C-alpha atoms as a PDB file:
ATOM      1  CA  UNK A   1      57.839  -9.400 -11.890  1.00  0.00           C
ATOM      2  CA  UNK A   2      57.349  -5.794 -10.972  1.00  0.00           C
ATOM      3  CA  UNK A   3      59.830  -3.204 -12.150  1.00  0.00           C
ATOM      4  CA  UNK A   4      57.860  -0.497 -10.357  1.00  0.00           C
ATOM      5  CA  UNK A   5      59.639   2.031  -8.167  1.00  0.00           C
ATOM      6  CA  UNK A   6      57.197   3.584  -5.786  1.00  0.00           C
ATOM      7  CA  UNK A   7      59.420   6.571  -5.159  1.00  0.00           C
ATOM      8  CA  UNK A   8      63.029   7.529  -4.798  1.00  0.00           C
ATOM      9  CA  UNK A   9      64.710  10.504  -3.224  1.00  0.00           C
ATOM     10  CA  UNK A  10      67.999  10.902  -5.036  1.00  0.00           C
ATOM     11  CA  UNK A  11      70.733  13.328  -5.977  1.00  0.00           C
ATOM     12  CA  UNK A  12      70.424  16.081  -8.554  1.00  0.00           C
ATOM     13  CA  UNK A  13      72.040  14.165 -11.369  1.00  0.00           C
ATOM     14  CA  UNK A  14      70.549  10.905 -12.574  1.00  0.00           C
ATOM     15  CA  UNK A  15      73.608   8.991 -13.613  1.00  0.00           C
ATOM     16  CA  UNK A  16      73.738   5.910 -15.739  1.00  0.00           C
ATOM     17  CA  UNK A  17      74.108   3.656 -12.709  1.00  0.00           C
ATOM     18  CA  UNK A  18      70.892   4.997 -11.259  1.00  0.00           C
ATOM     19  CA  UNK A  19      68.769   4.428 -14.336  1.00  0.00           C
ATOM     20  CA  UNK A  20      70.106   0.911 -14.716  1.00  0.00           C
ATOM     21  CA  UNK A  21      69.350   0.288 -11.047  1.00  0.00           C
ATOM     22  CA  UNK A  22      65.677   0.913 -11.801  1.00  0.00           C
ATOM     23  CA  UNK A  23      65.770  -2.668 -12.971  1.00  0.00           C
ATOM     24  CA  UNK A  24      68.766  -4.078 -11.140  1.00  0.00           C
ATOM     25  CA  UNK A  25      68.137  -3.078  -7.543  1.00  0.00           C
ATOM     26  CA  UNK A  26      64.394  -2.312  -7.481  1.00  0.00           C
ATOM     27  CA  UNK A  27      65.181   0.334  -4.875  1.00  0.00           C
ATOM     28  CA  UNK A  28      62.096   1.113  -2.783  1.00  0.00           C
ATOM     29  CA  UNK A  29      62.258   3.611   0.063  1.00  0.00           C
ATOM     30  CA  UNK A  30      59.437   2.552   2.365  1.00  0.00           C
ATOM     31  CA  UNK A  31      60.127   4.629   5.444  1.00  0.00           C
ATOM     32  CA  UNK A  32      62.777   5.709   7.896  1.00  0.00           C
ATOM     33  CA  UNK A  33      62.711   2.523   9.949  1.00  0.00           C
ATOM     34  CA  UNK A  34      62.942  -0.941   8.455  1.00  0.00           C
ATOM     35  CA  UNK A  35      61.684  -3.556  10.899  1.00  0.00           C
ATOM     36  CA  UNK A  36      62.033  -6.533   8.637  1.00  0.00           C
ATOM     37  CA  UNK A  37      63.429  -7.619   5.302  1.00  0.00           C
ATOM     38  CA  UNK A  38      61.352  -9.379   2.675  1.00  0.00           C
ATOM     39  CA  UNK A  39      63.287 -11.762   0.482  1.00  0.00           C
ATOM     40  CA  UNK A  40      62.265 -13.498  -2.708  1.00  0.00           C
ATOM     41  CA  UNK A  41      62.453 -17.293  -2.761  1.00  0.00           C
ATOM     42  CA  UNK A  42      66.076 -18.239  -3.452  1.00  0.00           C
ATOM     43  CA  UNK A  43      65.117 -20.151  -6.604  1.00  0.00           C
ATOM     44  CA  UNK A  44      63.701 -17.067  -8.315  1.00  0.00           C
ATOM     45  CA  UNK A  45      66.080 -14.586  -9.912  1.00  0.00           C
ATOM     46  CA  UNK A  46      64.554 -11.381 -11.287  1.00  0.00           C
ATOM     47  CA  UNK A  47      65.841 -10.433 -14.680  1.00  0.00           C
ATOM     48  CA  UNK A  48      65.089  -8.111 -17.546  1.00  0.00           C
ATOM     49  CA  UNK A  49      66.206  -7.713 -21.112  1.00  0.00           C
ATOM     50  CA  UNK A  50      66.318  -4.004 -21.800  1.00  0.00           C
ATOM     51  CA  UNK A  51      65.748  -3.158 -25.460  1.00  0.00           C
ATOM     52  CA  UNK A  52      65.690   0.617 -25.202  1.00  0.00           C
ATOM     53  CA  UNK A  53      66.935   3.133 -22.657  1.00  0.00           C
ATOM     54  CA  UNK A  54      68.052   6.727 -22.314  1.00  0.00           C
ATOM     55  CA  UNK A  55      70.217   8.027 -19.456  1.00  0.00           C
ATOM     56  CA  UNK A  56      73.041  10.544 -19.113  1.00  0.00           C
ATOM     57  CA  UNK A  57      75.264  12.246 -16.578  1.00  0.00           C
ATOM     58  CA  UNK A  58      74.054  15.729 -17.505  1.00  0.00           C
ATOM     59  CA  UNK A  59      70.289  15.209 -17.358  1.00  0.00           C
ATOM     60  CA  UNK A  60      68.087  18.171 -16.602  1.00  0.00           C
ATOM     61  CA  UNK A  61      64.392  18.741 -15.854  1.00  0.00           C
ATOM     62  CA  UNK A  62      61.803  20.008 -18.296  1.00  0.00           C
ATOM     63  CA  UNK A  63      58.889  21.443 -16.319  1.00  0.00           C
ATOM     64  CA  UNK A  64      55.483  20.408 -17.624  1.00  0.00           C
ATOM     65  CA  UNK A  65      52.423  22.419 -16.535  1.00  0.00           C
ATOM     66  CA  UNK A  66      49.205  20.771 -15.400  1.00  0.00           C
ATOM     67  CA  UNK A  67      46.479  19.716 -17.818  1.00  0.00           C
ATOM     68  CA  UNK A  68      49.089  18.892 -20.463  1.00  0.00           C
ATOM     69  CA  UNK A  69      49.384  15.862 -22.718  1.00  0.00           C
ATOM     70  CA  UNK A  70      52.941  14.863 -23.681  1.00  0.00           C
ATOM     71  CA  UNK A  71      53.547  12.490 -26.579  1.00  0.00           C
ATOM     72  CA  UNK A  72      56.794  10.531 -27.029  1.00  0.00           C
ATOM     73  CA  UNK A  73      57.631   8.465 -30.120  1.00  0.00           C
ATOM     74  CA  UNK A  74      59.836   5.354 -30.341  1.00  0.00           C
ATOM     75  CA  UNK A  75      61.024   3.264 -33.294  1.00  0.00           C
ATOM     76  CA  UNK A  76      61.496  -0.496 -33.180  1.00  0.00           C
ATOM     77  CA  UNK A  77      64.539  -2.117 -34.777  1.00  0.00           C
ATOM     78  CA  UNK A  78      64.437  -5.920 -35.009  1.00  0.00           C
ATOM     79  CA  UNK A  79      61.969  -8.539 -33.796  1.00  0.00           C
ATOM     80  CA  UNK A  80      61.460  -9.250 -30.089  1.00  0.00           C
ATOM     81  CA  UNK A  81      58.975  -9.145 -27.211  1.00  0.00           C
ATOM     82  CA  UNK A  82      58.386  -6.447 -24.581  1.00  0.00           C
ATOM     83  CA  UNK A  83      56.084  -6.222 -21.578  1.00  0.00           C
ATOM     84  CA  UNK A  84      57.350  -3.315 -19.521  1.00  0.00           C
ATOM     85  CA  UNK A  85      57.741   0.432 -20.022  1.00  0.00           C
ATOM     86  CA  UNK A  86      59.086   2.890 -17.461  1.00  0.00           C
ATOM     87  CA  UNK A  87      59.200   6.670 -17.754  1.00  0.00           C
ATOM     88  CA  UNK A  88      60.990   8.720 -15.087  1.00  0.00           C
ATOM     89  CA  UNK A  89      58.947  11.512 -13.480  1.00  0.00           C
ATOM     90  CA  UNK A  90      60.402  14.229 -11.213  1.00  0.00           C
ATOM     91  CA  UNK A  91      58.884  16.627  -8.717  1.00  0.00           C
ATOM     92  CA  UNK A  92      61.372  19.457  -8.058  1.00  0.00           C
ATOM     93  CA  UNK A  93      60.860  21.031  -4.651  1.00  0.00           C
ATOM     94  CA  UNK A  94      60.004  24.337  -6.332  1.00  0.00           C
ATOM     95  CA  UNK A  95      56.744  22.936  -7.732  1.00  0.00           C
ATOM     96  CA  UNK A  96      55.679  20.450  -5.056  1.00  0.00           C
ATOM     97  CA  UNK A  97      53.332  22.821  -3.249  1.00  0.00           C
ATOM     98  CA  UNK A  98      51.625  23.742  -6.514  1.00  0.00           C
ATOM     99  CA  UNK A  99      51.414  20.111  -7.581  1.00  0.00           C
ATOM    100  CA  UNK A 100      49.800  19.050  -4.320  1.00  0.00           C
ATOM    101  CA  UNK A 101      47.464  22.039  -4.304  1.00  0.00           C
ATOM    102  CA  UNK A 102      46.099  21.087  -7.730  1.00  0.00           C
ATOM    103  CA  UNK A 103      45.951  17.369  -6.868  1.00  0.00           C
ATOM    104  CA  UNK A 104      43.924  17.874  -3.697  1.00  0.00           C
ATOM    105  CA  UNK A 105      41.357  19.975  -5.575  1.00  0.00           C
ATOM    106  CA  UNK A 106      40.650  17.158  -8.015  1.00  0.00           C
ATOM    107  CA  UNK A 107      37.679  14.820  -7.482  1.00  0.00           C
ATOM    108  CA  UNK A 108      40.074  11.866  -7.472  1.00  0.00           C
ATOM    109  CA  UNK A 109      43.833  12.524  -7.180  1.00  0.00           C
ATOM    110  CA  UNK A 110      44.472   8.881  -8.065  1.00  0.00           C
ATOM    111  CA  UNK A 111      43.332   9.608 -11.636  1.00  0.00           C
ATOM    112  CA  UNK A 112      45.313  12.822 -11.987  1.00  0.00           C
ATOM    113  CA  UNK A 113      47.992  11.248 -14.183  1.00  0.00           C
ATOM    114  CA  UNK A 114      47.734   8.457 -16.696  1.00  0.00           C
ATOM    115  CA  UNK A 115      49.956   6.840 -19.260  1.00  0.00           C
ATOM    116  CA  UNK A 116      48.914   5.044 -22.429  1.00  0.00           C
ATOM    117  CA  UNK A 117      51.123   2.963 -24.710  1.00  0.00           C
ATOM    118  CA  UNK A 118      50.192   2.695 -28.387  1.00  0.00           C
ATOM    119  CA  UNK A 119      51.781   0.305 -30.897  1.00  0.00           C
ATOM    120  CA  UNK A 120      51.197   1.337 -34.508  1.00  0.00           C
ATOM    121  CA  UNK A 121      48.369   3.584 -33.364  1.00  0.00           C
ATOM    122  CA  UNK A 122      46.537   0.939 -31.316  1.00  0.00           C
ATOM    123  CA  UNK A 123      46.207   1.293 -27.538  1.00  0.00           C
ATOM    124  CA  UNK A 124      48.167  -1.605 -26.062  1.00  0.00           C
ATOM    125  CA  UNK A 125      48.532  -0.745 -22.371  1.00  0.00           C
ATOM    126  CA  UNK A 126      47.067   1.829 -20.039  1.00  0.00           C
ATOM    127  CA  UNK A 127      47.596   2.883 -16.410  1.00  0.00           C
ATOM    128  CA  UNK A 128      45.632   5.629 -14.653  1.00  0.00           C
ATOM    129  CA  UNK A 129      46.712   4.926 -11.086  1.00  0.00           C
ATOM    130  CA  UNK A 130      48.763   8.151 -10.892  1.00  0.00           C
ATOM    131  CA  UNK A 131      51.612   6.326  -9.172  1.00  0.00           C
ATOM    132  CA  UNK A 132      54.075   9.271  -9.252  1.00  0.00           C
ATOM    133  CA  UNK A 133      51.532  11.600  -7.624  1.00  0.00           C
ATOM    134  CA  UNK A 134      50.537   9.051  -4.980  1.00  0.00           C
ATOM    135  CA  UNK A 135      54.246   8.517  -4.317  1.00  0.00           C
ATOM    136  CA  UNK A 136      54.706  12.256  -3.861  1.00  0.00           C
ATOM    137  CA  UNK A 137      51.828  12.450  -1.388  1.00  0.00           C
ATOM    138  CA  UNK A 138      53.244   9.516   0.566  1.00  0.00           C
ATOM    139  CA  UNK A 139      56.691  11.125   0.588  1.00  0.00           C
ATOM    140  CA  UNK A 140      55.330  14.353   2.030  1.00  0.00           C
ATOM    141  CA  UNK A 141      53.172  12.674   4.673  1.00  0.00           C
ATOM    142  CA  UNK A 142      55.608  10.273   6.268  1.00  0.00           C
ATOM    143  CA  UNK A 143      58.132  11.123   8.982  1.00  0.00           C
ATOM    144  CA  UNK A 144      61.862  11.190   8.239  1.00  0.00           C
ATOM    145  CA  UNK A 145      65.014  10.678  10.282  1.00  0.00           C
ATOM    146  CA  UNK A 146      66.204  13.819  11.991  1.00  0.00           C
ATOM    147  CA  UNK A 147      69.380  14.890  10.224  1.00  0.00           C
ATOM    148  CA  UNK A 148      72.037  17.186  11.678  1.00  0.00           C
ATOM    149  CA  UNK A 149      75.556  18.251  10.765  1.00  0.00           C
ATOM    150  CA  UNK A 150      78.258  16.710  12.925  1.00  0.00           C
ATOM    151  CA  UNK A 151      80.995  19.359  13.229  1.00  0.00           C
ATOM    152  CA  UNK A 152      83.468  16.755  14.437  1.00  0.00           C
ATOM    153  CA  UNK A 153      83.107  14.300  11.572  1.00  0.00           C
ATOM    154  CA  UNK A 154      81.996  17.032   9.172  1.00  0.00           C
ATOM    155  CA  UNK A 155      79.186  14.859   7.902  1.00  0.00           C
ATOM    156  CA  UNK A 156      75.394  14.831   8.129  1.00  0.00           C
ATOM    157  CA  UNK A 157      74.093  12.199  10.533  1.00  0.00           C
ATOM    158  CA  UNK A 158      70.685  11.058  11.775  1.00  0.00           C
ATOM    159  CA  UNK A 159      69.690  11.086  15.445  1.00  0.00           C
ATOM    160  CA  UNK A 160      68.416   7.644  16.521  1.00  0.00           C
ATOM    161  CA  UNK A 161      64.757   7.668  17.473  1.00  0.00           C
ATOM    162  CA  UNK A 162      64.242  11.286  16.434  1.00  0.00           C
ATOM    163  CA  UNK A 163      62.082  12.141  13.445  1.00  0.00           C
ATOM    164  CA  UNK A 164      61.404  15.247  11.457  1.00  0.00           C
ATOM    165  CA  UNK A 165      59.235  16.460   8.559  1.00  0.00           C
ATOM    166  CA  UNK A 166      59.794  16.060   4.852  1.00  0.00           C
ATOM    167  CA  UNK A 167      60.687  19.725   4.329  1.00  0.00           C
ATOM    168  CA  UNK A 168      63.182  19.789   7.179  1.00  0.00           C
ATOM    169  CA  UNK A 169      64.730  16.569   5.929  1.00  0.00           C
ATOM    170  CA  UNK A 170      65.224  17.679   2.307  1.00  0.00           C
ATOM    171  CA  UNK A 171      66.555  21.053   3.461  1.00  0.00           C
ATOM    172  CA  UNK A 172      69.128  19.398   5.709  1.00  0.00           C
ATOM    173  CA  UNK A 173      70.082  16.897   3.015  1.00  0.00           C
ATOM    174  CA  UNK A 174      69.990  19.499   0.222  1.00  0.00           C
ATOM    175  CA  UNK A 175      67.745  17.251  -1.872  1.00  0.00           C
ATOM    176  CA  UNK A 176      66.357  19.165  -4.877  1.00  0.00           C
ATOM    177  CA  UNK A 177      63.595  16.840  -6.017  1.00  0.00           C
ATOM    178  CA  UNK A 178      61.629  13.664  -5.544  1.00  0.00           C
ATOM    179  CA  UNK A 179      62.337  11.217  -8.337  1.00  0.00           C
ATOM    180  CA  UNK A 180      59.682   8.662  -9.225  1.00  0.00           C
ATOM    181  CA  UNK A 181      58.788   6.595 -12.243  1.00  0.00           C
ATOM    182  CA  UNK A 182      55.587   5.812 -14.098  1.00  0.00           C
ATOM    183  CA  UNK A 183      55.864   2.134 -14.855  1.00  0.00           C
ATOM    184  CA  UNK A 184      53.385   0.155 -16.937  1.00  0.00           C
ATOM    185  CA  UNK A 185      53.496  -3.619 -17.173  1.00  0.00           C
ATOM    186  CA  UNK A 186      51.326  -5.447 -19.676  1.00  0.00           C
ATOM    187  CA  UNK A 187      50.814  -8.766 -21.411  1.00  0.00           C
ATOM    188  CA  UNK A 188      53.836  -9.481 -23.565  1.00  0.00           C
ATOM    189  CA  UNK A 189      53.572  -8.152 -27.110  1.00  0.00           C
ATOM    190  CA  UNK A 190      55.731  -8.932 -30.106  1.00  0.00           C
ATOM    191  CA  UNK A 191      57.158  -5.950 -31.955  1.00  0.00           C
ATOM    192  CA  UNK A 192      59.072  -5.917 -35.210  1.00  0.00           C
ATOM    193  CA  UNK A 193      61.197  -3.661 -37.362  1.00  0.00           C
ATOM    194  CA  UNK A 194      59.301  -0.620 -38.532  1.00  0.00           C
ATOM    195  CA  UNK A 195      56.797  -0.615 -35.682  1.00  0.00           C
ATOM    196  CA  UNK A 196      56.173   2.670 -33.893  1.00  0.00           C
ATOM    197  CA  UNK A 197      55.544   2.821 -30.149  1.00  0.00           C
ATOM    198  CA  UNK A 198      53.943   5.967 -28.795  1.00  0.00           C
ATOM    199  CA  UNK A 199      53.666   6.970 -25.135  1.00  0.00           C
ATOM    200  CA  UNK A 200      50.859   9.392 -24.310  1.00  0.00           C
ATOM    201  CA  UNK A 201      51.255  10.914 -20.844  1.00  0.00           C
ATOM    202  CA  UNK A 202      48.546  13.157 -19.419  1.00  0.00           C
ATOM    203  CA  UNK A 203      48.813  14.949 -16.089  1.00  0.00           C
ATOM    204  CA  UNK A 204      46.377  17.317 -14.418  1.00  0.00           C
ATOM    205  CA  UNK A 205      49.165  18.512 -12.118  1.00  0.00           C
ATOM    206  CA  UNK A 206      52.607  20.078 -12.763  1.00  0.00           C
ATOM    207  CA  UNK A 207      55.609  17.756 -12.871  1.00  0.00           C
ATOM    208  CA  UNK A 208      58.981  17.494 -14.608  1.00  0.00           C
ATOM    209  CA  UNK A 209      60.506  15.157 -17.163  1.00  0.00           C
ATOM    210  CA  UNK A 210      64.210  14.452 -16.636  1.00  0.00           C
ATOM    211  CA  UNK A 211      65.773  14.529 -20.098  1.00  0.00           C
ATOM    212  CA  UNK A 212      69.058  14.181 -21.952  1.00  0.00           C
ATOM    213  CA  UNK A 213      70.267  16.358 -24.785  1.00  0.00           C
ATOM    214  CA  UNK A 214      70.348  13.996 -27.781  1.00  0.00           C
ATOM    215  CA  UNK A 215      70.264  15.160 -31.380  1.00  0.00           C
ATOM    216  CA  UNK A 216      69.436  11.929 -33.220  1.00  0.00           C
ATOM    217  CA  UNK A 217      68.432   8.317 -32.815  1.00  0.00           C
ATOM    218  CA  UNK A 218      71.870   7.286 -34.088  1.00  0.00           C
ATOM    219  CA  UNK A 219      73.461   9.262 -31.261  1.00  0.00           C
ATOM    220  CA  UNK A 220      71.143   7.500 -28.855  1.00  0.00           C
ATOM    221  CA  UNK A 221      72.321   4.091 -30.046  1.00  0.00           C
ATOM    222  CA  UNK A 222      75.919   5.198 -29.472  1.00  0.00           C
ATOM    223  CA  UNK A 223      74.947   6.198 -25.926  1.00  0.00           C
ATOM    224  CA  UNK A 224      73.326   2.813 -25.315  1.00  0.00           C
ATOM    225  CA  UNK A 225      76.496   1.031 -26.413  1.00  0.00           C
ATOM    226  CA  UNK A 226      78.903   3.373 -24.630  1.00  0.00           C
ATOM    227  CA  UNK A 227      77.037   3.190 -21.300  1.00  0.00           C
ATOM    228  CA  UNK A 228      75.719  -0.398 -21.481  1.00  0.00           C
ATOM    229  CA  UNK A 229      72.135   0.821 -21.252  1.00  0.00           C
ATOM    230  CA  UNK A 230      70.567  -2.162 -23.021  1.00  0.00           C
ATOM    231  CA  UNK A 231      71.002  -5.891 -22.686  1.00  0.00           C
ATOM    232  CA  UNK A 232      70.550  -8.262 -19.756  1.00  0.00           C
ATOM    233  CA  UNK A 233      69.846  -6.688 -16.365  1.00  0.00           C
ATOM    234  CA  UNK A 234      71.072  -7.103 -13.746  1.00  0.00           C
ATOM    235  CA  UNK A 235      74.419  -7.779 -15.408  1.00  0.00           C
ATOM    236  CA  UNK A 236      75.983 -11.027 -14.293  1.00  0.00           C
ATOM    237  CA  UNK A 237      78.763 -13.286 -15.563  1.00  0.00           C
ATOM    238  CA  UNK A 238      77.907 -14.816 -18.930  1.00  0.00           C
ATOM    239  CA  UNK A 239      74.471 -13.166 -18.992  1.00  0.00           C
ATOM    240  CA  UNK A 240      73.050 -12.732 -22.479  1.00  0.00           C
ATOM    241  CA  UNK A 241      72.067 -10.842 -24.479  1.00  0.00           C
ATOM    242  CA  UNK A 242      74.694  -8.164 -24.057  1.00  0.00           C
ATOM    243  CA  UNK A 243      74.466  -4.687 -25.521  1.00  0.00           C
ATOM    244  CA  UNK A 244      76.873  -5.715 -28.264  1.00  0.00           C
ATOM    245  CA  UNK A 245      74.731  -8.727 -29.154  1.00  0.00           C
ATOM    246  CA  UNK A 246      71.537  -6.682 -29.308  1.00  0.00           C
ATOM    247  CA  UNK A 247      73.059  -3.966 -31.458  1.00  0.00           C
ATOM    248  CA  UNK A 248      74.801  -6.511 -33.643  1.00  0.00           C
ATOM    249  CA  UNK A 249      71.494  -8.299 -34.205  1.00  0.00           C
ATOM    250  CA  UNK A 250      69.722  -4.993 -34.750  1.00  0.00           C
ATOM    251  CA  UNK A 251      67.341  -5.565 -31.822  1.00  0.00           C
ATOM    252  CA  UNK A 252      66.717  -2.328 -29.972  1.00  0.00           C
ATOM    253  CA  UNK A 253      64.289   0.567 -29.557  1.00  0.00           C
ATOM    254  CA  UNK A 254      65.213   4.187 -30.147  1.00  0.00           C
ATOM    255  CA  UNK A 255      63.427   7.296 -28.947  1.00  0.00           C
ATOM    256  CA  UNK A 256      62.779  10.188 -31.304  1.00  0.00           C
ATOM    257  CA  UNK A 257      64.615  13.029 -29.488  1.00  0.00           C
ATOM    258  CA  UNK A 258      61.608  15.326 -29.509  1.00  0.00           C
ATOM    259  CA  UNK A 259      58.929  16.031 -26.930  1.00  0.00           C
ATOM    260  CA  UNK A 260      55.550  16.447 -28.597  1.00  0.00           C
ATOM    261  CA  UNK A 261      52.392  17.998 -27.193  1.00  0.00           C
ATOM    262  CA  UNK A 262      48.825  17.060 -28.004  1.00  0.00           C
ATOM    263  CA  UNK A 263      46.783  20.117 -28.911  1.00  0.00           C
ATOM    264  CA  UNK A 264      43.597  19.042 -27.108  1.00  0.00           C
ATOM    265  CA  UNK A 265      43.443  17.526 -23.606  1.00  0.00           C
ATOM    266  CA  UNK A 266      42.268  13.910 -23.576  1.00  0.00           C
ATOM    267  CA  UNK A 267      38.724  12.859 -22.804  1.00  0.00           C
ATOM    268  CA  UNK A 268      38.629  11.872 -19.132  1.00  0.00           C
ATOM    269  CA  UNK A 269      38.869   8.100 -18.565  1.00  0.00           C
ATOM    270  CA  UNK A 270      38.612   7.413 -22.282  1.00  0.00           C
ATOM    271  CA  UNK A 271      42.122   7.241 -23.738  1.00  0.00           C
ATOM    272  CA  UNK A 272      40.922   5.039 -26.580  1.00  0.00           C
ATOM    273  CA  UNK A 273      39.455   8.144 -28.204  1.00  0.00           C
ATOM    274  CA  UNK A 274      42.822   9.887 -28.495  1.00  0.00           C
ATOM    275  CA  UNK A 275      44.131  10.312 -31.996  1.00  0.00           C
ATOM    276  CA  UNK A 276      47.935  10.467 -31.929  1.00  0.00           C
ATOM    277  CA  UNK A 277      48.114  12.206 -35.303  1.00  0.00           C
ATOM    278  CA  UNK A 278      47.350  15.692 -33.946  1.00  0.00           C
ATOM    279  CA  UNK A 279      50.633  16.283 -32.187  1.00  0.00           C
ATOM    280  CA  UNK A 280      53.151  19.106 -32.528  1.00  0.00           C
ATOM    281  CA  UNK A 281      56.830  19.401 -31.554  1.00  0.00           C
ATOM    282  CA  UNK A 282      57.437  21.113 -28.235  1.00  0.00           C
ATOM    283  CA  UNK A 283      61.182  20.576 -27.651  1.00  0.00           C
ATOM    284  CA  UNK A 284      63.645  19.170 -30.180  1.00  0.00           C
ATOM    285  CA  UNK A 285      66.975  17.453 -29.413  1.00  0.00           C
ATOM    286  CA  UNK A 286      65.483  16.349 -26.107  1.00  0.00           C
ATOM    287  CA  UNK A 287      65.051  12.718 -25.015  1.00  0.00           C
ATOM    288  CA  UNK A 288      63.192  11.906 -21.774  1.00  0.00           C
ATOM    289  CA  UNK A 289      64.720   9.172 -19.639  1.00  0.00           C
ATOM    290  CA  UNK A 290      62.960   5.848 -20.217  1.00  0.00           C
ATOM    291  CA  UNK A 291      63.332   2.066 -20.287  1.00  0.00           C
ATOM    292  CA  UNK A 292      61.527  -0.492 -22.446  1.00  0.00           C
ATOM    293  CA  UNK A 293      62.091  -4.140 -21.603  1.00  0.00           C
ATOM    294  CA  UNK A 294      60.961  -7.694 -21.384  1.00  0.00           C
ATOM    295  CA  UNK A 295      60.990  -8.877 -17.791  1.00  0.00           C
ATOM    296  CA  UNK A 296      60.227 -12.031 -15.855  1.00  0.00           C
ATOM    297  CA  UNK A 297      61.590 -14.567 -13.386  1.00  0.00           C
ATOM    298  CA  UNK A 298      64.183 -17.149 -14.193  1.00  0.00           C
ATOM    299  CA  UNK A 299      65.492 -20.037 -12.156  1.00  0.00           C
END
């Protein structure tokens, strides 16, 4: 089952409901006109068990320049299986032109951003399809509904059959950024207490990480419990495990609230050569928005 979100145009604040909906609703904006609806077979019900997640009502963007390698560290508590990792990536309007300018100068924009997942120092999963950048390019290129302000209803409305450009649309809607995610799915792996999961994210182009201000992993666990950020998703009656069950059993993943940088850029197309020991703190008390889960289909 794919948890991938090709791209989302959303409000300034990424609230808890939005981050949970990454798994619950699988929101995909495919264009201004939907001619048909694709439905899954009624016997298949998508579900996920989220073991680690960060989200908050007061998230903010940390701008990351191009040709930068970000390293994020996570600690495993308990024994369980995961097969899906999602990291939220933003493109504020203020950097989109620069991002696209750099991307189009590259030999292959589709390899401009990659994400590797290491468990105890061993490369476990890798994706170099640059999904957030491709999503940005698609968002810029496609037509959008023409939006205008109705002085009678005092609301913004779209004119049927009339289209406009991306820049006109976001200006009319006062949309500050394009929100995407970099999602990596992989063969299920078993993790256990004491394991360390490391995400290495390289990008040749500028982007932004939406983050929450968190001072410790203990505070993060409190946030997970308070906002129901882990457990069965989508939530449904009698669905287990719940956040209380996971925390009670000590089965969850916490993120070290520090963004690290790798001192040397990675070797192109050869992430196996990266040593994750040579990293240095870049921002403390800062936790990028993420989800780690086990996902599949259930009858």
